[in-house]
Amino acid sequence: MKLHILKISDRDDHTSDPMYYTMKGLREQILNEWYDIWGEHIDYSKEQIRESDDNLFEYLNSWNFDVEVILTITEKDLV
C-alpha cells in the first residue's frame, strides 16, 4: 500500500496558498464539490475521474492546476 501526499497549486493565482491532499481526499473534493461548482467538463465525466488517476490529473490540469506528489508513505515507513 502507498499513500501519496499531493500538493495542488493554481497556475492562475500566484497569491493563493497551495492545497494538500491524499489521492482519496483530492478525488472526493473534486467529485463532491469542485466538479459541480466548476460545471460539467466536456472531456471528463465524474465516472472517468473516479476510475482513473490520470483522468483526475488531466482534469485538474485543464483548470490550470498543477499537481505534484510531495511525499509517498509505504507500509514499510509506518513500521
Protein backbone atom coordinates (compact mmCIF):
# COMPACT_ATOMS: atom_id res chain seq x y z
CA MET A 1 0.00 0.00 0.00
CA LYS A 2 1.21 3.50 -0.85
CA LEU A 3 -0.18 6.76 0.42
CA HIS A 4 0.66 9.78 -1.74
CA ILE A 5 0.52 13.32 -0.40
CA LEU A 6 -0.24 15.75 -3.23
CA LYS A 7 0.40 19.48 -3.50
CA ILE A 8 -2.14 21.35 -5.64
CA SER A 9 -1.22 24.82 -6.97
CA ASP A 10 -3.31 27.24 -9.01
CA ARG A 11 -1.28 28.44 -12.02
CA ASP A 12 -3.60 31.44 -12.49
CA ASP A 13 -3.47 32.70 -8.89
CA HIS A 14 0.08 33.05 -7.65
CA THR A 15 -1.10 34.63 -4.39
CA SER A 16 -3.13 31.63 -3.24
CA ASP A 17 -1.59 29.09 -0.92
CA PRO A 18 -1.10 25.55 -2.21
CA MET A 19 -3.52 22.88 -1.03
CA TYR A 20 -2.51 19.44 0.22
CA TYR A 21 -4.48 16.21 -0.19
CA THR A 22 -4.20 12.48 -0.22
CA MET A 23 -5.29 10.94 -3.52
CA LYS A 24 -8.54 9.79 -1.91
CA GLY A 25 -9.18 13.21 -0.39
CA LEU A 26 -8.48 15.01 -3.65
CA ARG A 27 -10.78 12.70 -5.60
CA GLU A 28 -13.58 13.26 -3.07
CA GLN A 29 -13.05 17.05 -3.19
CA ILE A 30 -13.30 17.08 -6.98
CA LEU A 31 -16.29 14.74 -7.24
CA ASN A 32 -18.29 16.15 -4.31
CA GLU A 33 -17.57 19.86 -4.61
CA TRP A 34 -15.41 21.26 -7.40
CA TYR A 35 -16.95 19.36 -10.32
CA ASP A 36 -20.39 20.77 -9.57
CA ILE A 37 -19.07 24.29 -8.89
CA TRP A 38 -16.87 24.41 -11.98
CA GLY A 39 -19.55 22.89 -14.19
CA GLU A 40 -19.54 19.78 -16.28
CA HIS A 41 -16.44 19.16 -18.32
CA ILE A 42 -16.62 18.11 -21.94
CA ASP A 43 -13.63 15.78 -21.72
CA TYR A 44 -14.09 14.22 -18.26
CA SER A 45 -17.15 12.79 -16.60
CA LYS A 46 -17.33 12.13 -12.87
CA GLU A 47 -17.10 8.43 -13.61
CA GLN A 48 -13.85 8.91 -15.58
CA ILE A 49 -12.34 10.93 -12.74
CA ARG A 50 -13.48 8.34 -10.20
CA GLU A 51 -11.87 5.47 -12.11
CA SER A 52 -8.54 6.93 -13.28
CA ASP A 53 -5.77 8.88 -11.57
CA ASP A 54 -4.57 10.05 -14.99
CA ASN A 55 -8.01 11.50 -15.80
CA LEU A 56 -8.10 13.18 -12.39
CA PHE A 57 -4.73 14.86 -13.04
CA GLU A 58 -5.67 15.84 -16.59
CA TYR A 59 -8.96 17.29 -15.34
CA LEU A 60 -7.13 19.49 -12.83
CA ASN A 61 -4.58 20.46 -15.48
CA SER A 62 -7.43 21.59 -17.76
CA TRP A 63 -8.48 24.03 -14.98
CA ASN A 64 -4.87 25.32 -14.69
CA PHE A 65 -3.93 23.45 -11.54
CA ASP A 66 -0.57 21.77 -11.06
CA VAL A 67 -0.43 18.54 -9.08
CA GLU A 68 2.81 17.36 -7.52
CA VAL A 69 3.44 14.27 -5.40
CA ILE A 70 5.46 15.62 -2.48
CA LEU A 71 5.54 12.55 -0.24
CA THR A 72 4.90 8.85 -0.60
CA ILE A 73 4.39 6.74 2.50
CA THR A 74 4.54 2.96 2.31
CA GLU A 75 3.73 0.25 4.85
CA LYS A 76 7.47 -0.06 5.44
CA ASP A 77 7.58 3.60 6.54
CA LEU A 78 4.85 3.03 9.13
CA VAL A 79 6.62 0.21 10.99
